[in-house]
Amino acid sequence: MTNIPLVTEQIKFLVGIFAILNPLGAIPIYLSLISDRRAEVMHHTAAKAAAAVAIILILTVWAGGAVLSFFGIGIPAFRIAGGLLVLMIAMAMFSAKTSMARHTEEEQVEAQAKDDIAVVPLAIPLLAGPGAISLTIVDAHQATGLLDKVFFSLGILVVALLVWLVLRLAEPIGQRLGRGGINIATRVMGLILASMAIQFIADGMLELFPGLSG
């Protein structure tokens, strides 16, 4: 049976995942790539991108630990590396910018020439990029049993549904919030991520060097 501490971890995980996916911050890029296409195409792209995000992160929940084991990478070291990556993304969000770890100018130019942007670059790396994958692996490590991983997976489906809603309503949301409103939301999410990143790094350091706790 899932215990209360793990439920709390799952809630924190879902908040962190939504923050690092930051679909609100992706709206300007998304609209710049697809606003000249028919509404049906935009709606299909939003649904396909959300589905791809769900698949990528759920696969990470179930297979991420095995990948780390294959390469001989321990969770403490991965916490530190993932924390540093998430911190880089959070610092870019403080400036209301898209981190180069998520989306580069070269990828933007390439995407403008593509007919279908739902999976690449929208789902990955713009939404479910290295930061989101790292965060998922670290938090899914808390899930020790089958039922726990199922709950994590269901939570990801909820987040993916929220991503779909934001992308589906990208035009009215963009018009209502404006660039300033989106930037404020991005900075708030960046603050959440920065705090989580520091905690990841601290936890990893304490696991690698227990003497630091003294």
C-alpha atoms as a PDB file:
ATOM      1  CA  MET A   1       0.000   0.000   0.000  1.00  0.00           C
ATOM      2  CA  THR A   2       1.315   3.456  -0.904  1.00  0.00           C
ATOM      3  CA  ASN A   3       2.321   5.328   2.273  1.00  0.00           C
ATOM      4  CA  ILE A   4       1.784   9.013   3.080  1.00  0.00           C
ATOM      5  CA  PRO A   5       5.440  10.094   2.593  1.00  0.00           C
ATOM      6  CA  LEU A   6       5.477   8.590  -0.889  1.00  0.00           C
ATOM      7  CA  VAL A   7       2.183  10.304  -1.768  1.00  0.00           C
ATOM      8  CA  THR A   8       3.779  13.579  -0.683  1.00  0.00           C
ATOM      9  CA  GLU A   9       6.799  12.823  -2.878  1.00  0.00           C
ATOM     10  CA  GLN A  10       4.482  12.100  -5.807  1.00  0.00           C
ATOM     11  CA  ILE A  11       2.697  15.436  -5.373  1.00  0.00           C
ATOM     12  CA  LYS A  12       6.051  17.255  -5.229  1.00  0.00           C
ATOM     13  CA  PHE A  13       7.141  15.306  -8.298  1.00  0.00           C
ATOM     14  CA  LEU A  14       4.050  16.308 -10.274  1.00  0.00           C
ATOM     15  CA  VAL A  15       4.465  19.974  -9.349  1.00  0.00           C
ATOM     16  CA  GLY A  16       8.128  19.809 -10.355  1.00  0.00           C
ATOM     17  CA  ILE A  17       7.394  18.015 -13.610  1.00  0.00           C
ATOM     18  CA  PHE A  18       4.746  20.563 -14.591  1.00  0.00           C
ATOM     19  CA  ALA A  19       7.154  23.361 -13.720  1.00  0.00           C
ATOM     20  CA  ILE A  20      10.008  21.963 -15.797  1.00  0.00           C
ATOM     21  CA  LEU A  21       7.738  21.091 -18.718  1.00  0.00           C
ATOM     22  CA  ASN A  22       6.506  24.702 -18.468  1.00  0.00           C
ATOM     23  CA  PRO A  23       3.892  24.509 -21.233  1.00  0.00           C
ATOM     24  CA  LEU A  24       2.990  28.159 -20.601  1.00  0.00           C
ATOM     25  CA  GLY A  25       6.545  29.207 -21.396  1.00  0.00           C
ATOM     26  CA  ALA A  26       6.453  27.064 -24.532  1.00  0.00           C
ATOM     27  CA  ILE A  27       3.407  28.907 -25.918  1.00  0.00           C
ATOM     28  CA  PRO A  28       5.350  31.653 -27.785  1.00  0.00           C
ATOM     29  CA  ILE A  29       7.623  29.110 -29.498  1.00  0.00           C
ATOM     30  CA  TYR A  30       4.700  26.788 -30.212  1.00  0.00           C
ATOM     31  CA  LEU A  31       2.646  29.560 -31.810  1.00  0.00           C
ATOM     32  CA  SER A  32       5.600  30.828 -33.828  1.00  0.00           C
ATOM     33  CA  LEU A  33       5.982  27.366 -35.342  1.00  0.00           C
ATOM     34  CA  ILE A  34       2.345  26.541 -36.007  1.00  0.00           C
ATOM     35  CA  SER A  35       0.116  29.654 -35.907  1.00  0.00           C
ATOM     36  CA  ASP A  36      -0.030  29.803 -39.723  1.00  0.00           C
ATOM     37  CA  ARG A  37      -1.640  26.352 -39.950  1.00  0.00           C
ATOM     38  CA  ARG A  38      -5.286  25.306 -39.785  1.00  0.00           C
ATOM     39  CA  ALA A  39      -6.981  24.975 -36.394  1.00  0.00           C
ATOM     40  CA  GLU A  40      -7.415  21.230 -36.943  1.00  0.00           C
ATOM     41  CA  VAL A  41      -3.675  20.828 -37.451  1.00  0.00           C
ATOM     42  CA  MET A  42      -2.930  22.840 -34.312  1.00  0.00           C
ATOM     43  CA  HIS A  43      -5.324  20.747 -32.232  1.00  0.00           C
ATOM     44  CA  HIS A  44      -3.871  17.490 -33.593  1.00  0.00           C
ATOM     45  CA  THR A  45      -0.344  18.722 -32.866  1.00  0.00           C
ATOM     46  CA  ALA A  46      -1.271  19.608 -29.285  1.00  0.00           C
ATOM     47  CA  ALA A  47      -2.774  16.158 -28.667  1.00  0.00           C
ATOM     48  CA  LYS A  48       0.142  14.333 -30.289  1.00  0.00           C
ATOM     49  CA  ALA A  49       2.727  16.350 -28.362  1.00  0.00           C
ATOM     50  CA  ALA A  50       0.982  15.702 -25.025  1.00  0.00           C
ATOM     51  CA  ALA A  51       0.774  11.981 -25.816  1.00  0.00           C
ATOM     52  CA  ALA A  52       4.474  11.918 -26.697  1.00  0.00           C
ATOM     53  CA  VAL A  53       5.342  13.674 -23.416  1.00  0.00           C
ATOM     54  CA  ALA A  54       3.347  11.060 -21.497  1.00  0.00           C
ATOM     55  CA  ILE A  55       5.020   8.160 -23.304  1.00  0.00           C
ATOM     56  CA  ILE A  56       8.538   9.564 -22.862  1.00  0.00           C
ATOM     57  CA  LEU A  57       8.144  10.208 -19.132  1.00  0.00           C
ATOM     58  CA  ILE A  58       6.278   6.970 -18.360  1.00  0.00           C
ATOM     59  CA  LEU A  59       8.995   4.986 -20.130  1.00  0.00           C
ATOM     60  CA  THR A  60      11.492   6.896 -18.001  1.00  0.00           C
ATOM     61  CA  VAL A  61       9.661   5.894 -14.809  1.00  0.00           C
ATOM     62  CA  TRP A  62       9.830   2.208 -15.716  1.00  0.00           C
ATOM     63  CA  ALA A  63      13.186   2.013 -17.488  1.00  0.00           C
ATOM     64  CA  GLY A  64      15.231   4.935 -16.156  1.00  0.00           C
ATOM     65  CA  GLY A  65      16.683   3.025 -13.215  1.00  0.00           C
ATOM     66  CA  ALA A  66      17.707   0.129 -15.430  1.00  0.00           C
ATOM     67  CA  VAL A  67      19.538   2.501 -17.785  1.00  0.00           C
ATOM     68  CA  LEU A  68      21.492   3.981 -14.880  1.00  0.00           C
ATOM     69  CA  SER A  69      22.355   0.500 -13.625  1.00  0.00           C
ATOM     70  CA  PHE A  70      23.543  -0.524 -17.091  1.00  0.00           C
ATOM     71  CA  PHE A  71      26.015   2.355 -17.153  1.00  0.00           C
ATOM     72  CA  GLY A  72      26.985   1.839 -13.523  1.00  0.00           C
ATOM     73  CA  ILE A  73      25.654   5.247 -12.434  1.00  0.00           C
ATOM     74  CA  GLY A  74      24.475   5.537  -8.847  1.00  0.00           C
ATOM     75  CA  ILE A  75      21.438   7.587  -7.840  1.00  0.00           C
ATOM     76  CA  PRO A  76      23.496   9.973  -5.625  1.00  0.00           C
ATOM     77  CA  ALA A  77      25.754  10.929  -8.559  1.00  0.00           C
ATOM     78  CA  PHE A  78      22.743  11.237 -10.844  1.00  0.00           C
ATOM     79  CA  ARG A  79      20.977  13.438  -8.273  1.00  0.00           C
ATOM     80  CA  ILE A  80      23.889  15.863  -8.397  1.00  0.00           C
ATOM     81  CA  ALA A  81      24.156  15.815 -12.210  1.00  0.00           C
ATOM     82  CA  GLY A  82      20.390  16.105 -12.635  1.00  0.00           C
ATOM     83  CA  GLY A  83      20.264  18.879 -10.037  1.00  0.00           C
ATOM     84  CA  LEU A  84      22.906  20.871 -11.901  1.00  0.00           C
ATOM     85  CA  LEU A  85      21.015  20.435 -15.184  1.00  0.00           C
ATOM     86  CA  VAL A  86      17.697  21.447 -13.631  1.00  0.00           C
ATOM     87  CA  LEU A  87      19.408  24.436 -11.986  1.00  0.00           C
ATOM     88  CA  MET A  88      20.708  25.579 -15.387  1.00  0.00           C
ATOM     89  CA  ILE A  89      17.182  25.394 -16.791  1.00  0.00           C
ATOM     90  CA  ALA A  90      15.778  27.231 -13.756  1.00  0.00           C
ATOM     91  CA  MET A  91      18.344  30.031 -14.115  1.00  0.00           C
ATOM     92  CA  ALA A  92      17.289  30.513 -17.735  1.00  0.00           C
ATOM     93  CA  MET A  93      13.642  30.606 -16.611  1.00  0.00           C
ATOM     94  CA  PHE A  94      14.460  33.410 -14.158  1.00  0.00           C
ATOM     95  CA  SER A  95      15.378  35.461 -17.222  1.00  0.00           C
ATOM     96  CA  ALA A  96      12.210  34.241 -18.991  1.00  0.00           C
ATOM     97  CA  LYS A  97      14.366  32.487 -21.566  1.00  0.00           C
ATOM     98  CA  THR A  98      14.420  28.968 -22.972  1.00  0.00           C
ATOM     99  CA  SER A  99      17.495  27.104 -21.798  1.00  0.00           C
ATOM    100  CA  MET A 100      19.868  25.839 -24.482  1.00  0.00           C
ATOM    101  CA  ALA A 101      19.505  22.465 -22.775  1.00  0.00           C
ATOM    102  CA  ARG A 102      15.889  22.442 -23.954  1.00  0.00           C
ATOM    103  CA  HIS A 103      15.803  24.206 -27.303  1.00  0.00           C
ATOM    104  CA  THR A 104      18.480  25.831 -29.443  1.00  0.00           C
ATOM    105  CA  GLU A 105      18.216  28.376 -32.232  1.00  0.00           C
ATOM    106  CA  GLU A 106      19.326  25.725 -34.734  1.00  0.00           C
ATOM    107  CA  GLU A 107      16.457  23.486 -33.642  1.00  0.00           C
ATOM    108  CA  GLN A 108      14.059  26.419 -33.981  1.00  0.00           C
ATOM    109  CA  VAL A 109      15.135  27.032 -37.585  1.00  0.00           C
ATOM    110  CA  GLU A 110      14.921  23.322 -38.410  1.00  0.00           C
ATOM    111  CA  ALA A 111      11.464  23.033 -36.825  1.00  0.00           C
ATOM    112  CA  GLN A 112      10.071  25.864 -38.969  1.00  0.00           C
ATOM    113  CA  ALA A 113      10.755  23.770 -42.058  1.00  0.00           C
ATOM    114  CA  LYS A 114       9.054  20.633 -40.684  1.00  0.00           C
ATOM    115  CA  ASP A 115       5.502  19.579 -41.463  1.00  0.00           C
ATOM    116  CA  ASP A 116       5.040  17.824 -38.116  1.00  0.00           C
ATOM    117  CA  ILE A 117       6.586  19.403 -35.014  1.00  0.00           C
ATOM    118  CA  ALA A 118       4.574  17.488 -32.392  1.00  0.00           C
ATOM    119  CA  VAL A 119       7.199  14.953 -31.324  1.00  0.00           C
ATOM    120  CA  VAL A 120      10.389  16.776 -32.352  1.00  0.00           C
ATOM    121  CA  PRO A 121      11.038  19.487 -31.264  1.00  0.00           C
ATOM    122  CA  LEU A 122       7.821  20.164 -29.302  1.00  0.00           C
ATOM    123  CA  ALA A 123       7.532  17.058 -27.097  1.00  0.00           C
ATOM    124  CA  ILE A 124      11.274  16.499 -26.986  1.00  0.00           C
ATOM    125  CA  PRO A 125      13.405  18.444 -26.244  1.00  0.00           C
ATOM    126  CA  LEU A 126      11.223  21.562 -25.742  1.00  0.00           C
ATOM    127  CA  LEU A 127       8.847  20.010 -23.186  1.00  0.00           C
ATOM    128  CA  ALA A 128      10.131  16.595 -22.060  1.00  0.00           C
ATOM    129  CA  GLY A 129      13.794  17.408 -22.437  1.00  0.00           C
ATOM    130  CA  PRO A 130      16.845  16.245 -20.458  1.00  0.00           C
ATOM    131  CA  GLY A 131      15.768  18.181 -17.369  1.00  0.00           C
ATOM    132  CA  ALA A 132      12.315  16.570 -17.208  1.00  0.00           C
ATOM    133  CA  ILE A 133      13.802  13.128 -17.837  1.00  0.00           C
ATOM    134  CA  SER A 134      16.409  13.636 -15.091  1.00  0.00           C
ATOM    135  CA  LEU A 135      13.761  14.825 -12.646  1.00  0.00           C
ATOM    136  CA  THR A 136      11.587  11.810 -13.455  1.00  0.00           C
ATOM    137  CA  ILE A 137      14.410   9.311 -12.927  1.00  0.00           C
ATOM    138  CA  VAL A 138      15.402  10.823  -9.580  1.00  0.00           C
ATOM    139  CA  ASP A 139      11.852  10.989  -8.229  1.00  0.00           C
ATOM    140  CA  ALA A 140      10.758   7.628  -9.646  1.00  0.00           C
ATOM    141  CA  HIS A 141      13.610   6.102  -7.652  1.00  0.00           C
ATOM    142  CA  GLN A 142      11.366   6.679  -4.616  1.00  0.00           C
ATOM    143  CA  ALA A 143       8.882   4.204  -6.105  1.00  0.00           C
ATOM    144  CA  THR A 144      10.064   0.865  -4.770  1.00  0.00           C
ATOM    145  CA  GLY A 145       7.055  -1.231  -5.716  1.00  0.00           C
ATOM    146  CA  LEU A 146       4.899  -1.909  -8.748  1.00  0.00           C
ATOM    147  CA  LEU A 147       1.906  -0.016  -7.358  1.00  0.00           C
ATOM    148  CA  ASP A 148       4.043   3.031  -6.605  1.00  0.00           C
ATOM    149  CA  LYS A 149       5.296   3.173 -10.191  1.00  0.00           C
ATOM    150  CA  VAL A 150       1.719   2.833 -11.424  1.00  0.00           C
ATOM    151  CA  PHE A 151       0.761   5.885  -9.331  1.00  0.00           C
ATOM    152  CA  PHE A 152       3.709   7.838 -10.724  1.00  0.00           C
ATOM    153  CA  SER A 153       2.620   6.877 -14.244  1.00  0.00           C
ATOM    154  CA  LEU A 154      -0.970   7.955 -13.595  1.00  0.00           C
ATOM    155  CA  GLY A 155       0.329  11.258 -12.268  1.00  0.00           C
ATOM    156  CA  ILE A 156       2.283  11.785 -15.474  1.00  0.00           C
ATOM    157  CA  LEU A 157      -0.901  11.188 -17.456  1.00  0.00           C
ATOM    158  CA  VAL A 158      -2.577  13.969 -15.437  1.00  0.00           C
ATOM    159  CA  VAL A 159       0.332  16.331 -16.169  1.00  0.00           C
ATOM    160  CA  ALA A 160       0.220  15.372 -19.862  1.00  0.00           C
ATOM    161  CA  LEU A 161      -3.492  16.217 -19.881  1.00  0.00           C
ATOM    162  CA  LEU A 162      -2.664  19.658 -18.469  1.00  0.00           C
ATOM    163  CA  VAL A 163      -0.007  20.091 -21.170  1.00  0.00           C
ATOM    164  CA  TRP A 164      -2.609  19.222 -23.810  1.00  0.00           C
ATOM    165  CA  LEU A 165      -5.076  21.761 -22.372  1.00  0.00           C
ATOM    166  CA  VAL A 166      -2.455  24.529 -22.352  1.00  0.00           C
ATOM    167  CA  LEU A 167      -1.370  23.808 -25.942  1.00  0.00           C
ATOM    168  CA  ARG A 168      -4.970  23.330 -27.075  1.00  0.00           C
ATOM    169  CA  LEU A 169      -5.803  26.794 -25.692  1.00  0.00           C
ATOM    170  CA  ALA A 170      -2.441  28.332 -26.579  1.00  0.00           C
ATOM    171  CA  GLU A 171      -3.869  31.193 -28.638  1.00  0.00           C
ATOM    172  CA  PRO A 172      -6.434  32.468 -26.096  1.00  0.00           C
ATOM    173  CA  ILE A 173      -4.000  31.913 -23.203  1.00  0.00           C
ATOM    174  CA  GLY A 174      -1.283  33.810 -25.057  1.00  0.00           C
ATOM    175  CA  GLN A 175      -3.659  36.663 -25.816  1.00  0.00           C
ATOM    176  CA  ARG A 176      -5.007  36.825 -22.262  1.00  0.00           C
ATOM    177  CA  LEU A 177      -1.709  36.597 -20.387  1.00  0.00           C
ATOM    178  CA  GLY A 178       0.446  38.401 -22.906  1.00  0.00           C
ATOM    179  CA  ARG A 179       4.185  38.042 -22.965  1.00  0.00           C
ATOM    180  CA  GLY A 180       4.479  39.670 -19.534  1.00  0.00           C
ATOM    181  CA  GLY A 181       2.088  37.234 -17.864  1.00  0.00           C
ATOM    182  CA  ILE A 182       3.804  34.240 -19.421  1.00  0.00           C
ATOM    183  CA  ASN A 183       7.185  35.551 -18.261  1.00  0.00           C
ATOM    184  CA  ILE A 184       5.920  35.940 -14.686  1.00  0.00           C
ATOM    185  CA  ALA A 185       4.582  32.374 -14.673  1.00  0.00           C
ATOM    186  CA  THR A 186       7.875  31.129 -16.101  1.00  0.00           C
ATOM    187  CA  ARG A 187       9.881  32.885 -13.371  1.00  0.00           C
ATOM    188  CA  VAL A 188       7.669  31.428 -10.626  1.00  0.00           C
ATOM    189  CA  MET A 189       8.171  27.937 -12.060  1.00  0.00           C
ATOM    190  CA  GLY A 190      11.879  28.648 -12.317  1.00  0.00           C
ATOM    191  CA  LEU A 191      11.970  29.447  -8.595  1.00  0.00           C
ATOM    192  CA  ILE A 192      10.297  26.116  -7.787  1.00  0.00           C
ATOM    193  CA  LEU A 193      12.757  24.278 -10.008  1.00  0.00           C
ATOM    194  CA  ALA A 194      15.789  26.052  -8.551  1.00  0.00           C
ATOM    195  CA  SER A 195      14.730  25.042  -5.045  1.00  0.00           C
ATOM    196  CA  MET A 196      14.259  21.433  -6.138  1.00  0.00           C
ATOM    197  CA  ALA A 197      17.607  21.451  -7.935  1.00  0.00           C
ATOM    198  CA  ILE A 198      19.451  22.663  -4.830  1.00  0.00           C
ATOM    199  CA  GLN A 199      17.723  19.962  -2.781  1.00  0.00           C
ATOM    200  CA  PHE A 200      18.747  17.315  -5.336  1.00  0.00           C
ATOM    201  CA  ILE A 201      22.353  18.442  -5.212  1.00  0.00           C
ATOM    202  CA  ALA A 202      22.378  18.582  -1.400  1.00  0.00           C
ATOM    203  CA  ASP A 203      20.807  15.122  -1.071  1.00  0.00           C
ATOM    204  CA  GLY A 204      23.252  13.680  -3.579  1.00  0.00           C
ATOM    205  CA  MET A 205      26.240  15.192  -1.794  1.00  0.00           C
ATOM    206  CA  LEU A 206      25.063  13.843   1.562  1.00  0.00           C
ATOM    207  CA  GLU A 207      24.599  10.356   0.104  1.00  0.00           C
ATOM    208  CA  LEU A 208      28.041  10.393  -1.519  1.00  0.00           C
ATOM    209  CA  PHE A 209      29.768  12.007   1.472  1.00  0.00           C
ATOM    210  CA  PRO A 210      27.855  11.086   4.663  1.00  0.00           C
ATOM    211  CA  GLY A 211      30.475  12.880   6.733  1.00  0.00           C
ATOM    212  CA  LEU A 212      29.136  16.226   5.484  1.00  0.00           C
ATOM    213  CA  SER A 213      26.037  15.797   7.668  1.00  0.00           C
ATOM    214  CA  GLY A 214      28.224  15.999  10.759  1.00  0.00           C
END
